[in-house]
Amino acid sequence: MPPEYYRQLEEIQANDFVLVDLNLYLDTHPNDLEAIQQFNNLSKETMQLKMDFEKKFGPLMHFGKSFSDYPWNWKDTPWPWQV
């Protein structure tokens, strides 16, 4: 694989790590507007990175495609796997 493959994949993985961390934080701090904005901005950036990567190198599994309203609404049930 070319070096660009690994560079882009590492950037995606780093973003995914931050998204998981923000998701966990927002589960306990649902009114933190700045964190929600960070989550949403990073989600958009990560989706673009993944689309670019997939165009060049093939499909990826992804995390962070969903955005949140204010307050953080992922804590509300039913969750997707409960429907």
PDB file of N, CA and C in Angstrom:
ATOM      1  N   MET A   1       0.830  -1.189   0.000  1.00  0.00           N
ATOM      2  CA  MET A   1       0.000   0.000   0.000  1.00  0.00           C
ATOM      3  C   MET A   1       0.872   1.249   0.000  1.00  0.00           C
ATOM      4  N   PRO A   2       0.401   2.289  -0.669  1.00  0.00           N
ATOM      5  CA  PRO A   2       1.160   3.537  -0.675  1.00  0.00           C
ATOM      6  C   PRO A   2       1.129   4.219   0.692  1.00  0.00           C
ATOM      7  N   PRO A   3       2.117   5.057   0.980  1.00  0.00           N
ATOM      8  CA  PRO A   3       2.150   5.762   2.268  1.00  0.00           C
ATOM      9  C   PRO A   3       0.881   6.573   2.541  1.00  0.00           C
ATOM     10  N   GLU A   4       0.261   7.099   1.505  1.00  0.00           N
ATOM     11  CA  GLU A   4      -0.962   7.891   1.662  1.00  0.00           C
ATOM     12  C   GLU A   4      -2.081   7.056   2.297  1.00  0.00           C
ATOM     13  N   TYR A   5      -2.125   5.781   1.972  1.00  0.00           N
ATOM     14  CA  TYR A   5      -3.118   4.875   2.550  1.00  0.00           C
ATOM     15  C   TYR A   5      -3.009   4.889   4.074  1.00  0.00           C
ATOM     16  N   TYR A   6      -1.816   4.692   4.572  1.00  0.00           N
ATOM     17  CA  TYR A   6      -1.599   4.628   6.018  1.00  0.00           C
ATOM     18  C   TYR A   6      -1.800   5.988   6.693  1.00  0.00           C
ATOM     19  N   ARG A   7      -1.391   7.047   6.031  1.00  0.00           N
ATOM     20  CA  ARG A   7      -1.568   8.384   6.591  1.00  0.00           C
ATOM     21  C   ARG A   7      -3.043   8.708   6.745  1.00  0.00           C
ATOM     22  N   GLN A   8      -3.817   8.453   5.691  1.00  0.00           N
ATOM     23  CA  GLN A   8      -5.248   8.745   5.744  1.00  0.00           C
ATOM     24  C   GLN A   8      -5.964   7.840   6.747  1.00  0.00           C
ATOM     25  N   LEU A   9      -5.593   6.574   6.765  1.00  0.00           N
ATOM     26  CA  LEU A   9      -6.229   5.651   7.703  1.00  0.00           C
ATOM     27  C   LEU A   9      -5.931   6.044   9.147  1.00  0.00           C
ATOM     28  N   GLU A  10      -4.715   6.465   9.420  1.00  0.00           N
ATOM     29  CA  GLU A  10      -4.366   6.906  10.774  1.00  0.00           C
ATOM     30  C   GLU A  10      -5.164   8.146  11.173  1.00  0.00           C
ATOM     31  N   GLU A  11      -5.350   9.073  10.236  1.00  0.00           N
ATOM     32  CA  GLU A  11      -6.133  10.272  10.530  1.00  0.00           C
ATOM     33  C   GLU A  11      -7.594   9.912  10.828  1.00  0.00           C
ATOM     34  N   ILE A  12      -8.146   8.991  10.061  1.00  0.00           N
ATOM     35  CA  ILE A  12      -9.517   8.536  10.295  1.00  0.00           C
ATOM     36  C   ILE A  12      -9.623   7.860  11.661  1.00  0.00           C
ATOM     37  N   GLN A  13      -8.677   7.010  11.982  1.00  0.00           N
ATOM     38  CA  GLN A  13      -8.705   6.310  13.268  1.00  0.00           C
ATOM     39  C   GLN A  13      -8.584   7.284  14.439  1.00  0.00           C
ATOM     40  N   ALA A  14      -7.752   8.284  14.303  1.00  0.00           N
ATOM     41  CA  ALA A  14      -7.607   9.286  15.361  1.00  0.00           C
ATOM     42  C   ALA A  14      -8.919  10.046  15.557  1.00  0.00           C
ATOM     43  N   ASN A  15      -9.549  10.435  14.456  1.00  0.00           N
ATOM     44  CA  ASN A  15     -10.833  11.132  14.549  1.00  0.00           C
ATOM     45  C   ASN A  15     -11.896  10.243  15.186  1.00  0.00           C
ATOM     46  N   ASP A  16     -11.933   8.968  14.780  1.00  0.00           N
ATOM     47  CA  ASP A  16     -12.907   8.046  15.359  1.00  0.00           C
ATOM     48  C   ASP A  16     -12.715   7.914  16.866  1.00  0.00           C
ATOM     49  N   PHE A  17     -11.478   7.885  17.319  1.00  0.00           N
ATOM     50  CA  PHE A  17     -11.185   7.795  18.747  1.00  0.00           C
ATOM     51  C   PHE A  17     -11.759   9.002  19.484  1.00  0.00           C
ATOM     52  N   VAL A  18     -11.545  10.185  18.932  1.00  0.00           N
ATOM     53  CA  VAL A  18     -12.060  11.408  19.558  1.00  0.00           C
ATOM     54  C   VAL A  18     -13.589  11.406  19.548  1.00  0.00           C
ATOM     55  N   LEU A  19     -14.197  10.925  18.462  1.00  0.00           N
ATOM     56  CA  LEU A  19     -15.658  10.867  18.399  1.00  0.00           C
ATOM     57  C   LEU A  19     -16.230   9.942  19.464  1.00  0.00           C
ATOM     58  N   VAL A  20     -15.593   8.807  19.681  1.00  0.00           N
ATOM     59  CA  VAL A  20     -16.055   7.897  20.737  1.00  0.00           C
ATOM     60  C   VAL A  20     -15.939   8.584  22.090  1.00  0.00           C
ATOM     61  N   ASP A  21     -14.824   9.244  22.319  1.00  0.00           N
ATOM     62  CA  ASP A  21     -14.605   9.932  23.590  1.00  0.00           C
ATOM     63  C   ASP A  21     -15.650  11.043  23.795  1.00  0.00           C
ATOM     64  N   LEU A  22     -15.891  11.838  22.759  1.00  0.00           N
ATOM     65  CA  LEU A  22     -16.913  12.885  22.862  1.00  0.00           C
ATOM     66  C   LEU A  22     -18.297  12.282  23.086  1.00  0.00           C
ATOM     67  N   ASN A  23     -18.587  11.175  22.423  1.00  0.00           N
ATOM     68  CA  ASN A  23     -19.872  10.508  22.600  1.00  0.00           C
ATOM     69  C   ASN A  23     -20.069  10.103  24.060  1.00  0.00           C
ATOM     70  N   LEU A  24     -19.065   9.508  24.650  1.00  0.00           N
ATOM     71  CA  LEU A  24     -19.145   9.101  26.049  1.00  0.00           C
ATOM     72  C   LEU A  24     -19.303  10.313  26.968  1.00  0.00           C
ATOM     73  N   TYR A  25     -18.548  11.352  26.691  1.00  0.00           N
ATOM     74  CA  TYR A  25     -18.646  12.576  27.491  1.00  0.00           C
ATOM     75  C   TYR A  25     -20.048  13.166  27.409  1.00  0.00           C
ATOM     76  N   LEU A  26     -20.590  13.230  26.196  1.00  0.00           N
ATOM     77  CA  LEU A  26     -21.898  13.851  26.012  1.00  0.00           C
ATOM     78  C   LEU A  26     -23.029  13.019  26.611  1.00  0.00           C
ATOM     79  N   ASP A  27     -22.806  11.730  26.794  1.00  0.00           N
ATOM     80  CA  ASP A  27     -23.820  10.918  27.466  1.00  0.00           C
ATOM     81  C   ASP A  27     -24.032  11.388  28.903  1.00  0.00           C
ATOM     82  N   THR A  28     -23.009  11.962  29.504  1.00  0.00           N
ATOM     83  CA  THR A  28     -23.122  12.438  30.881  1.00  0.00           C
ATOM     84  C   THR A  28     -23.177  13.962  30.988  1.00  0.00           C
ATOM     85  N   HIS A  29     -22.952  14.653  29.868  1.00  0.00           N
ATOM     86  CA  HIS A  29     -22.983  16.121  29.829  1.00  0.00           C
ATOM     87  C   HIS A  29     -23.795  16.575  28.601  1.00  0.00           C
ATOM     88  N   PRO A  30     -25.082  16.231  28.554  1.00  0.00           N
ATOM     89  CA  PRO A  30     -25.872  16.468  27.344  1.00  0.00           C
ATOM     90  C   PRO A  30     -26.120  17.927  26.999  1.00  0.00           C
ATOM     91  N   ASN A  31     -25.853  18.844  27.906  1.00  0.00           N
ATOM     92  CA  ASN A  31     -26.090  20.264  27.634  1.00  0.00           C
ATOM     93  C   ASN A  31     -24.814  21.038  27.308  1.00  0.00           C
ATOM     94  N   ASP A  32     -23.733  20.351  27.047  1.00  0.00           N
ATOM     95  CA  ASP A  32     -22.466  21.010  26.726  1.00  0.00           C
ATOM     96  C   ASP A  32     -22.458  21.351  25.231  1.00  0.00           C
ATOM     97  N   LEU A  33     -22.901  22.549  24.928  1.00  0.00           N
ATOM     98  CA  LEU A  33     -23.033  22.982  23.536  1.00  0.00           C
ATOM     99  C   LEU A  33     -21.705  22.929  22.793  1.00  0.00           C
ATOM    100  N   GLU A  34     -20.629  23.360  23.428  1.00  0.00           N
ATOM    101  CA  GLU A  34     -19.324  23.346  22.764  1.00  0.00           C
ATOM    102  C   GLU A  34     -18.914  21.920  22.383  1.00  0.00           C
ATOM    103  N   ALA A  35     -19.150  20.964  23.263  1.00  0.00           N
ATOM    104  CA  ALA A  35     -18.800  19.573  22.962  1.00  0.00           C
ATOM    105  C   ALA A  35     -19.670  19.022  21.833  1.00  0.00           C
ATOM    106  N   ILE A  36     -20.945  19.396  21.812  1.00  0.00           N
ATOM    107  CA  ILE A  36     -21.828  18.956  20.723  1.00  0.00           C
ATOM    108  C   ILE A  36     -21.346  19.529  19.400  1.00  0.00           C
ATOM    109  N   GLN A  37     -20.951  20.801  19.417  1.00  0.00           N
ATOM    110  CA  GLN A  37     -20.434  21.420  18.191  1.00  0.00           C
ATOM    111  C   GLN A  37     -19.140  20.732  17.742  1.00  0.00           C
ATOM    112  N   GLN A  38     -18.263  20.422  18.686  1.00  0.00           N
ATOM    113  CA  GLN A  38     -17.034  19.691  18.345  1.00  0.00           C
ATOM    114  C   GLN A  38     -17.382  18.339  17.745  1.00  0.00           C
ATOM    115  N   PHE A  39     -18.321  17.633  18.365  1.00  0.00           N
ATOM    116  CA  PHE A  39     -18.734  16.327  17.865  1.00  0.00           C
ATOM    117  C   PHE A  39     -19.270  16.439  16.439  1.00  0.00           C
ATOM    118  N   ASN A  40     -20.173  17.397  16.220  1.00  0.00           N
ATOM    119  CA  ASN A  40     -20.771  17.549  14.898  1.00  0.00           C
ATOM    120  C   ASN A  40     -19.744  17.968  13.847  1.00  0.00           C
ATOM    121  N   ASN A  41     -18.867  18.896  14.182  1.00  0.00           N
ATOM    122  CA  ASN A  41     -17.835  19.324  13.231  1.00  0.00           C
ATOM    123  C   ASN A  41     -16.882  18.180  12.896  1.00  0.00           C
ATOM    124  N   LEU A  42     -16.470  17.451  13.917  1.00  0.00           N
ATOM    125  CA  LEU A  42     -15.548  16.340  13.677  1.00  0.00           C
ATOM    126  C   LEU A  42     -16.243  15.220  12.913  1.00  0.00           C
ATOM    127  N   SER A  43     -17.531  15.025  13.156  1.00  0.00           N
ATOM    128  CA  SER A  43     -18.296  14.029  12.398  1.00  0.00           C
ATOM    129  C   SER A  43     -18.308  14.370  10.909  1.00  0.00           C
ATOM    130  N   LYS A  44     -18.552  15.634  10.601  1.00  0.00           N
ATOM    131  CA  LYS A  44     -18.551  16.073   9.196  1.00  0.00           C
ATOM    132  C   LYS A  44     -17.180  15.864   8.574  1.00  0.00           C
ATOM    133  N   GLU A  45     -16.135  16.288   9.284  1.00  0.00           N
ATOM    134  CA  GLU A  45     -14.771  16.135   8.773  1.00  0.00           C
ATOM    135  C   GLU A  45     -14.441  14.668   8.545  1.00  0.00           C
ATOM    136  N   THR A  46     -14.824  13.825   9.486  1.00  0.00           N
ATOM    137  CA  THR A  46     -14.518  12.403   9.383  1.00  0.00           C
ATOM    138  C   THR A  46     -15.275  11.749   8.235  1.00  0.00           C
ATOM    139  N   MET A  47     -16.527  12.133   8.033  1.00  0.00           N
ATOM    140  CA  MET A  47     -17.270  11.588   6.895  1.00  0.00           C
ATOM    141  C   MET A  47     -16.580  11.932   5.583  1.00  0.00           C
ATOM    142  N   GLN A  48     -16.091  13.164   5.464  1.00  0.00           N
ATOM    143  CA  GLN A  48     -15.392  13.561   4.244  1.00  0.00           C
ATOM    144  C   GLN A  48     -14.092  12.774   4.073  1.00  0.00           C
ATOM    145  N   LEU A  49     -13.348  12.617   5.159  1.00  0.00           N
ATOM    146  CA  LEU A  49     -12.117  11.825   5.103  1.00  0.00           C
ATOM    147  C   LEU A  49     -12.404  10.392   4.656  1.00  0.00           C
ATOM    148  N   LYS A  50     -13.476   9.827   5.184  1.00  0.00           N
ATOM    149  CA  LYS A  50     -13.830   8.445   4.839  1.00  0.00           C
ATOM    150  C   LYS A  50     -14.284   8.324   3.395  1.00  0.00           C
ATOM    151  N   MET A  51     -15.059   9.305   2.933  1.00  0.00           N
ATOM    152  CA  MET A  51     -15.472   9.280   1.528  1.00  0.00           C
ATOM    153  C   MET A  51     -14.254   9.361   0.614  1.00  0.00           C
ATOM    154  N   ASP A  52     -13.320  10.256   0.943  1.00  0.00           N
ATOM    155  CA  ASP A  52     -12.099  10.390   0.145  1.00  0.00           C
ATOM    156  C   ASP A  52     -11.287   9.093   0.170  1.00  0.00           C
ATOM    157  N   PHE A  53     -11.156   8.510   1.360  1.00  0.00           N
ATOM    158  CA  PHE A  53     -10.408   7.260   1.500  1.00  0.00           C
ATOM    159  C   PHE A  53     -11.070   6.151   0.684  1.00  0.00           C
ATOM    160  N   GLU A  54     -12.399   6.020   0.796  1.00  0.00           N
ATOM    161  CA  GLU A  54     -13.110   4.956   0.100  1.00  0.00           C
ATOM    162  C   GLU A  54     -13.030   5.102  -1.416  1.00  0.00           C
ATOM    163  N   LYS A  55     -12.994   6.328  -1.904  1.00  0.00           N
ATOM    164  CA  LYS A  55     -12.834   6.538  -3.346  1.00  0.00           C
ATOM    165  C   LYS A  55     -11.493   6.006  -3.830  1.00  0.00           C
ATOM    166  N   LYS A  56     -10.472   6.165  -2.999  1.00  0.00           N
ATOM    167  CA  LYS A  56      -9.127   5.752  -3.383  1.00  0.00           C
ATOM    168  C   LYS A  56      -8.822   4.289  -3.064  1.00  0.00           C
ATOM    169  N   PHE A  57      -9.306   3.821  -1.893  1.00  0.00           N
ATOM    170  CA  PHE A  57      -8.817   2.549  -1.379  1.00  0.00           C
ATOM    171  C   PHE A  57      -9.881   1.514  -1.069  1.00  0.00           C
ATOM    172  N   GLY A  58     -11.154   1.834  -1.202  1.00  0.00           N
ATOM    173  CA  GLY A  58     -12.199   0.865  -0.916  1.00  0.00           C
ATOM    174  C   GLY A  58     -12.957   1.193   0.363  1.00  0.00           C
ATOM    175  N   PRO A  59     -13.965   0.362   0.684  1.00  0.00           N
ATOM    176  CA  PRO A  59     -14.883   0.685   1.779  1.00  0.00           C
ATOM    177  C   PRO A  59     -14.261   0.584   3.166  1.00  0.00           C
ATOM    178  N   LEU A  60     -14.859   1.350   4.070  1.00  0.00           N
ATOM    179  CA  LEU A  60     -14.509   1.363   5.491  1.00  0.00           C
ATOM    180  C   LEU A  60     -15.780   1.231   6.309  1.00  0.00           C
ATOM    181  N   MET A  61     -15.629   0.722   7.525  1.00  0.00           N
ATOM    182  CA  MET A  61     -16.720   0.853   8.482  1.00  0.00           C
ATOM    183  C   MET A  61     -16.523   2.208   9.144  1.00  0.00           C
ATOM    184  N   HIS A  62     -17.581   2.824   9.573  1.00  0.00           N
ATOM    185  CA  HIS A  62     -17.459   4.179  10.081  1.00  0.00           C
ATOM    186  C   HIS A  62     -18.197   4.361  11.390  1.00  0.00           C
ATOM    187  N   PHE A  63     -17.833   5.384  12.091  1.00  0.00           N
ATOM    188  CA  PHE A  63     -18.485   5.791  13.329  1.00  0.00           C
ATOM    189  C   PHE A  63     -18.538   7.314  13.312  1.00  0.00           C
ATOM    190  N   GLY A  64     -19.634   7.863  13.780  1.00  0.00           N
ATOM    191  CA  GLY A  64     -19.723   9.314  13.812  1.00  0.00           C
ATOM    192  C   GLY A  64     -20.507   9.914  12.680  1.00  0.00           C
ATOM    193  N   LYS A  65     -21.327   9.112  11.985  1.00  0.00           N
ATOM    194  CA  LYS A  65     -22.117   9.666  10.893  1.00  0.00           C
ATOM    195  C   LYS A  65     -23.328  10.443  11.378  1.00  0.00           C
ATOM    196  N   SER A  66     -23.796  10.174  12.545  1.00  0.00           N
ATOM    197  CA  SER A  66     -25.002  10.827  13.038  1.00  0.00           C
ATOM    198  C   SER A  66     -24.666  12.099  13.801  1.00  0.00           C
ATOM    199  N   PHE A  67     -25.454  13.118  13.598  1.00  0.00           N
ATOM    200  CA  PHE A  67     -25.273  14.377  14.298  1.00  0.00           C
ATOM    201  C   PHE A  67     -26.246  14.441  15.459  1.00  0.00           C
ATOM    202  N   SER A  68     -26.059  15.399  16.307  1.00  0.00           N
ATOM    203  CA  SER A  68     -26.946  15.586  17.448  1.00  0.00           C
ATOM    204  C   SER A  68     -27.539  16.980  17.436  1.00  0.00           C
ATOM    205  N   ASP A  69     -28.769  17.044  17.872  1.00  0.00           N
ATOM    206  CA  ASP A  69     -29.377  18.335  18.156  1.00  0.00           C
ATOM    207  C   ASP A  69     -28.920  18.769  19.538  1.00  0.00           C
ATOM    208  N   TYR A  70     -29.357  19.938  19.969  1.00  0.00           N
ATOM    209  CA  TYR A  70     -29.076  20.399  21.323  1.00  0.00           C
ATOM    210  C   TYR A  70     -30.368  20.296  22.127  1.00  0.00           C
ATOM    211  N   PRO A  71     -30.412  19.707  23.293  1.00  0.00           N
ATOM    212  CA  PRO A  71     -29.311  19.020  23.957  1.00  0.00           C
ATOM    213  C   PRO A  71     -29.012  17.667  23.291  1.00  0.00           C
ATOM    214  N   TRP A  72     -27.904  17.083  23.676  1.00  0.00           N
ATOM    215  CA  TRP A  72     -27.444  15.799  23.152  1.00  0.00           C
ATOM    216  C   TRP A  72     -28.597  14.809  23.164  1.00  0.00           C
ATOM    217  N   ASN A  73     -28.957  14.286  21.980  1.00  0.00           N
ATOM    218  CA  ASN A  73     -30.164  13.466  21.918  1.00  0.00           C
ATOM    219  C   ASN A  73     -29.918  11.971  21.774  1.00  0.00           C
ATOM    220  N   TRP A  74     -28.680  11.547  21.814  1.00  0.00           N
ATOM    221  CA  TRP A  74     -28.425  10.116  21.729  1.00  0.00           C
ATOM    222  C   TRP A  74     -28.766   9.388  23.018  1.00  0.00           C
ATOM    223  N   LYS A  75     -28.979  10.131  24.079  1.00  0.00           N
ATOM    224  CA  LYS A  75     -29.347   9.490  25.334  1.00  0.00           C
ATOM    225  C   LYS A  75     -30.828   9.125  25.357  1.00  0.00           C
ATOM    226  N   ASP A  76     -31.600   9.655  24.400  1.00  0.00           N
ATOM    227  CA  ASP A  76     -33.038   9.410  24.358  1.00  0.00           C
ATOM    228  C   ASP A  76     -33.325   8.045  23.746  1.00  0.00           C
ATOM    229  N   THR A  77     -34.262   7.336  24.333  1.00  0.00           N
ATOM    230  CA  THR A  77     -34.664   6.044  23.797  1.00  0.00           C
ATOM    231  C   THR A  77     -35.950   6.223  23.000  1.00  0.00           C
ATOM    232  N   PRO A  78     -36.297   5.314  22.109  1.00  0.00           N
ATOM    233  CA  PRO A  78     -35.597   4.043  21.875  1.00  0.00           C
ATOM    234  C   PRO A  78     -34.334   4.252  21.059  1.00  0.00           C
ATOM    235  N   TRP A  79     -33.333   3.434  21.312  1.00  0.00           N
ATOM    236  CA  TRP A  79     -32.117   3.453  20.531  1.00  0.00           C
ATOM    237  C   TRP A  79     -32.315   2.627  19.269  1.00  0.00           C
ATOM    238  N   PRO A  80     -31.522   2.861  18.254  1.00  0.00           N
ATOM    239  CA  PRO A  80     -31.749   2.174  16.975  1.00  0.00           C
ATOM    240  C   PRO A  80     -31.858   0.662  17.106  1.00  0.00           C
ATOM    241  N   TRP A  81     -31.102   0.054  17.981  1.00  0.00           N
ATOM    242  CA  TRP A  81     -31.132  -1.403  18.100  1.00  0.00           C
ATOM    243  C   TRP A  81     -32.331  -1.895  18.907  1.00  0.00           C
ATOM    244  N   GLN A  82     -33.128  -0.961  19.467  1.00  0.00           N
ATOM    245  CA  GLN A  82     -34.324  -1.347  20.214  1.00  0.00           C
ATOM    246  C   GLN A  82     -35.589  -1.281  19.367  1.00  0.00           C
ATOM    247  N   VAL A  83     -35.476  -0.780  18.153  1.00  0.00           N
ATOM    248  CA  VAL A  83     -36.646  -0.598  17.302  1.00  0.00           C
ATOM    249  C   VAL A  83     -36.929  -1.867  16.516  1.00  0.00           C
TER     250      VAL A  83
END
